[in-house]
Protein backbone atom coordinates (compact mmCIF):
# COMPACT_ATOMS: atom_id res chain seq x y z
CA UNK A 1 -50.87 66.49 42.66
CA UNK A 2 -48.98 63.24 42.81
CA UNK A 3 -49.03 60.95 39.80
CA UNK A 4 -50.77 57.65 40.21
CA UNK A 5 -48.56 54.61 39.86
CA UNK A 6 -50.18 51.67 38.17
CA UNK A 7 -48.90 48.13 38.77
CA UNK A 8 -49.85 45.07 36.81
CA UNK A 9 -49.37 41.37 37.18
CA UNK A 10 -49.12 41.07 33.37
CA UNK A 11 -45.51 40.36 32.13
CA UNK A 12 -43.87 42.92 29.93
CA UNK A 13 -42.81 42.15 26.34
CA UNK A 14 -39.18 41.73 27.45
CA UNK A 15 -40.23 39.33 30.16
CA UNK A 16 -42.29 37.36 27.66
CA UNK A 17 -39.36 37.07 25.27
CA UNK A 18 -36.97 36.00 28.03
CA UNK A 19 -39.49 33.49 29.32
CA UNK A 20 -40.01 32.07 25.84
CA UNK A 21 -36.27 31.79 25.31
CA UNK A 22 -35.76 30.02 28.64
CA UNK A 23 -38.62 27.69 27.86
CA UNK A 24 -37.11 26.75 24.50
CA UNK A 25 -33.70 26.28 26.13
CA UNK A 26 -35.18 23.94 28.71
CA UNK A 27 -36.85 21.91 25.98
CA UNK A 28 -33.62 21.77 23.96
CA UNK A 29 -31.54 20.69 26.96
CA UNK A 30 -34.09 18.13 27.99
CA UNK A 31 -34.32 16.76 24.47
CA UNK A 32 -30.67 16.77 23.36
CA UNK A 33 -28.49 16.79 26.47
CA UNK A 34 -28.81 13.06 26.99
CA UNK A 35 -27.96 12.40 23.34
CA UNK A 36 -24.95 14.73 23.56
CA UNK A 37 -23.65 13.03 26.70
CA UNK A 38 -24.05 9.61 25.08
CA UNK A 39 -22.21 10.79 21.95
CA UNK A 40 -19.33 12.25 23.98
CA UNK A 41 -19.11 9.07 26.03
CA UNK A 42 -19.01 7.01 22.84
CA UNK A 43 -16.15 9.13 21.45
CA UNK A 44 -14.20 8.73 24.70
CA UNK A 45 -14.73 4.96 24.64
CA UNK A 46 -13.57 4.78 21.00
CA UNK A 47 -10.42 6.83 21.71
CA UNK A 48 -9.55 4.83 24.82
CA UNK A 49 -10.32 1.61 22.98
CA UNK A 50 -8.08 2.59 20.07
CA UNK A 51 -5.19 3.42 22.40
CA UNK A 52 -5.70 0.18 24.30
CA UNK A 53 -5.93 -1.84 21.08
CA UNK A 54 -2.69 -0.32 19.85
CA UNK A 55 -0.60 -0.75 22.99
CA UNK A 56 -2.06 -3.94 24.41
CA UNK A 57 -2.74 -5.84 21.19
CA UNK A 58 -0.97 -4.44 18.12
CA UNK A 59 2.41 -3.75 19.76
CA UNK A 60 2.76 -7.21 21.39
CA UNK A 61 1.39 -8.81 18.21
CA UNK A 62 3.99 -6.97 16.12
CA UNK A 63 6.83 -8.19 18.36
CA UNK A 64 5.51 -11.72 18.13
CA UNK A 65 5.29 -11.47 14.33
CA UNK A 66 8.88 -10.17 14.09
CA UNK A 67 10.09 -13.26 15.95
CA UNK A 68 7.92 -15.55 13.82
CA UNK A 69 9.24 -14.22 10.51
CA UNK A 70 12.91 -14.59 11.47
CA UNK A 71 13.29 -18.32 10.70
CA UNK A 72 11.36 -17.98 7.44
CA UNK A 73 13.72 -15.20 6.35
CA UNK A 74 16.71 -17.46 7.03
CA UNK A 75 15.17 -20.18 4.87
CA UNK A 76 14.54 -17.59 2.16
CA UNK A 77 18.15 -16.40 2.20
CA UNK A 78 19.35 -19.99 1.81
CA UNK A 79 16.88 -20.40 -1.11
CA UNK A 80 14.83 -23.09 0.65
CA UNK A 81 11.62 -21.78 -0.91
CA UNK A 82 9.20 -24.45 0.34
CA UNK A 83 10.32 -24.19 3.97
CA UNK A 84 10.34 -20.39 3.81
CA UNK A 85 6.83 -20.41 2.42
CA UNK A 86 5.16 -23.11 4.51
CA UNK A 87 7.31 -23.53 7.63
CA UNK A 88 9.09 -26.62 8.90
CA UNK A 89 8.38 -29.75 10.94
CA UNK A 90 9.84 -28.10 14.05
CA UNK A 91 6.90 -25.74 14.29
CA UNK A 92 8.61 -22.70 12.81
CA UNK A 93 6.17 -20.61 10.80
CA UNK A 94 6.45 -19.90 7.11
CA UNK A 95 5.50 -16.67 5.40
CA UNK A 96 1.98 -17.91 4.66
CA UNK A 97 1.46 -18.55 8.39
CA UNK A 98 2.70 -15.07 9.28
CA UNK A 99 0.30 -13.55 6.75
CA UNK A 100 -2.71 -15.41 8.20
CA UNK A 101 -1.78 -15.22 11.90
CA UNK A 102 -0.51 -11.63 12.11
CA UNK A 103 -2.66 -9.85 9.55
CA UNK A 104 -2.52 -6.37 11.08
CA UNK A 105 1.26 -6.13 11.42
CA UNK A 106 4.07 -4.84 9.22
CA UNK A 107 5.64 -8.33 9.32
CA UNK A 108 2.51 -9.74 7.71
CA UNK A 109 2.68 -7.08 5.01
CA UNK A 110 6.36 -7.88 4.38
CA UNK A 111 5.60 -11.60 4.32
CA UNK A 112 3.36 -11.03 1.31
CA UNK A 113 6.42 -10.03 -0.70
CA UNK A 114 8.51 -12.93 0.59
CA UNK A 115 5.67 -15.37 -0.10
CA UNK A 116 5.24 -13.97 -3.60
CA UNK A 117 8.95 -14.32 -4.36
CA UNK A 118 9.02 -17.88 -3.00
CA UNK A 119 6.02 -18.78 -5.15
CA UNK A 120 7.70 -17.17 -8.15
CA UNK A 121 10.74 -19.38 -7.65
CA UNK A 122 8.41 -22.38 -7.33
CA UNK A 123 6.76 -21.30 -10.62
CA UNK A 124 3.39 -20.73 -8.96
CA UNK A 125 2.96 -17.42 -10.75
CA UNK A 126 -0.76 -16.96 -10.02
CA UNK A 127 -0.23 -17.14 -6.25
CA UNK A 128 2.91 -15.04 -6.51
CA UNK A 129 0.99 -12.35 -8.35
CA UNK A 130 -1.78 -12.35 -5.75
CA UNK A 131 0.60 -11.90 -2.82
CA UNK A 132 2.81 -9.31 -4.52
CA UNK A 133 -0.19 -7.21 -5.52
CA UNK A 134 -1.60 -7.34 -1.98
CA UNK A 135 1.57 -5.82 -0.53
CA UNK A 136 1.15 -2.26 0.72
CA UNK A 137 4.10 -0.47 -0.91
CA UNK A 138 5.94 1.94 1.39
CA UNK A 139 9.68 1.85 0.79
CA UNK A 140 10.89 3.40 -2.47
CA UNK A 141 13.48 0.90 -3.71
CA UNK A 142 11.81 -2.15 -2.20
CA UNK A 143 8.49 -1.03 -3.63
CA UNK A 144 10.12 -0.70 -7.06
CA UNK A 145 11.43 -4.26 -6.82
CA UNK A 146 7.96 -5.50 -5.97
CA UNK A 147 6.49 -3.73 -9.02
CA UNK A 148 9.17 -5.30 -11.23
CA UNK A 149 8.47 -8.73 -9.73
CA UNK A 150 4.78 -8.27 -10.57
CA UNK A 151 5.83 -7.50 -14.13
CA UNK A 152 7.92 -10.69 -14.22
CA UNK A 153 4.94 -12.73 -13.03
CA UNK A 154 2.75 -11.23 -15.73
CA UNK A 155 5.34 -12.14 -18.39
CA UNK A 156 5.51 -15.74 -17.17
CA UNK A 157 1.71 -15.92 -17.26
CA UNK A 158 1.76 -14.72 -20.86
CA UNK A 159 0.37 -11.30 -19.97
CA UNK A 160 3.18 -9.31 -21.57
CA UNK A 161 0.94 -6.35 -22.31
CA UNK A 162 0.09 -6.04 -18.61
CA UNK A 163 3.74 -6.35 -17.60
CA UNK A 164 4.87 -3.23 -19.48
CA UNK A 165 3.27 -0.72 -17.14
CA UNK A 166 4.73 -2.43 -14.06
CA UNK A 167 8.28 -2.27 -15.43
CA UNK A 168 7.78 1.40 -16.28
CA UNK A 169 6.36 2.14 -12.82
CA UNK A 170 9.22 0.24 -11.18
CA UNK A 171 11.81 2.34 -13.04
CA UNK A 172 10.09 5.59 -12.10
CA UNK A 173 9.63 4.61 -8.46
CA UNK A 174 13.22 3.43 -8.05
CA UNK A 175 14.61 6.63 -9.57
CA UNK A 176 18.00 4.98 -9.30
CA UNK A 177 20.98 4.72 -11.63
CA UNK A 178 21.44 1.16 -10.41
CA UNK A 179 17.92 -0.24 -10.72
CA UNK A 180 15.98 2.00 -13.11
CA UNK A 181 17.95 0.93 -16.22
CA UNK A 182 17.28 -2.73 -15.39
CA UNK A 183 13.53 -2.14 -15.22
CA UNK A 184 13.56 0.06 -18.33
CA UNK A 185 15.38 -2.66 -20.23
CA UNK A 186 12.66 -5.14 -19.22
CA UNK A 187 10.05 -2.63 -20.39
CA UNK A 188 11.75 -2.19 -23.78
CA UNK A 189 12.08 -5.95 -24.32
CA UNK A 190 8.39 -6.37 -23.47
CA UNK A 191 7.48 -3.71 -26.03
CA UNK A 192 9.58 -5.48 -28.65
CA UNK A 193 7.86 -8.79 -27.97
CA UNK A 194 4.54 -7.03 -28.53
CA UNK A 195 5.79 -5.62 -31.84
CA UNK A 196 5.67 -2.06 -30.51
CA UNK A 197 9.12 -1.13 -31.80
CA UNK A 198 8.64 2.63 -31.66
CA UNK A 199 7.97 2.47 -27.92
CA UNK A 200 10.82 0.01 -27.43
CA UNK A 201 13.17 2.36 -29.28
CA UNK A 202 12.14 5.30 -27.08
CA UNK A 203 12.90 3.31 -23.93
CA UNK A 204 16.27 2.10 -25.22
CA UNK A 205 17.21 5.67 -26.09
CA UNK A 206 16.10 6.76 -22.62
CA UNK A 207 18.52 4.26 -21.08
CA UNK A 208 21.34 5.57 -23.28
CA UNK A 209 20.70 9.24 -22.50
CA UNK A 210 19.76 9.07 -18.81
CA UNK A 211 21.90 6.15 -17.60
CA UNK A 212 24.98 6.11 -19.85
CA UNK A 213 27.18 4.59 -17.13
CA UNK A 214 24.89 1.66 -16.42
CA UNK A 215 25.72 -1.92 -17.51
CA UNK A 216 22.55 -1.88 -19.62
CA UNK A 217 23.88 1.08 -21.62
CA UNK A 218 27.09 -0.73 -22.62
CA UNK A 219 25.42 -2.71 -25.41
CA UNK A 220 22.35 -0.51 -25.83
CA UNK A 221 23.33 0.66 -29.34
CA UNK A 222 22.72 -2.74 -30.88
CA UNK A 223 19.23 -2.84 -29.36
CA UNK A 224 18.54 0.64 -30.65
CA UNK A 225 19.64 -0.44 -34.14
CA UNK A 226 17.56 -3.59 -33.90
CA UNK A 227 14.45 -1.59 -33.02
CA UNK A 228 15.15 0.84 -35.88
CA UNK A 229 15.47 -2.00 -38.36
CA UNK A 230 12.19 -3.45 -37.20
CA UNK A 231 10.55 -0.09 -37.71
CA UNK A 232 11.91 0.14 -41.27
CA UNK A 233 10.59 -3.30 -42.05
CA UNK A 234 7.04 -2.47 -40.98
């Protein structure tokens, strides 16, 4: 006797699960696909915009800034501080103009140092300090010189205590037998002026031991003795 075969229009459990999954997928796609496409499009626009901004704005702007800073640098080298800082009557830009007109370029960043040094020479120490501190330090030796110049500004403003750390940082950053002893000597003198003779002595002895061939080390013994005498008198 043949078995009866029963058919049913009711979906099986597997079919139900698959149907439910497809339904949820459709809802997800419908709900989030548009958002995903918009997000991807936004990323593409940002990337393309960044590339365009770099090549069609920053690069030409940088070349323009390099030309603009040239005359100011010549004035600086000839120690014509006012003209280097503010420009001349012929329309050549000064360092302050380069800073304001080409703010996103390396020439603008470099002009902050030049401007600060010009202002230092003109005894405008507050402005010099502002520009030197706003410089984004990259180069090792040049960065060390900037730190030392900041220390010099602080000294001239009567902020000797603040100057000490800048001279110490300048010496460490330079890491040079030529420049580090100069900055260390400034640091030691600053400590002495603050009456911190023990710290001054340590720095003088550091110059003698680490940079014995430097010009600063030639007469360092008398400064060491001076610091020792001050310590005995305390």
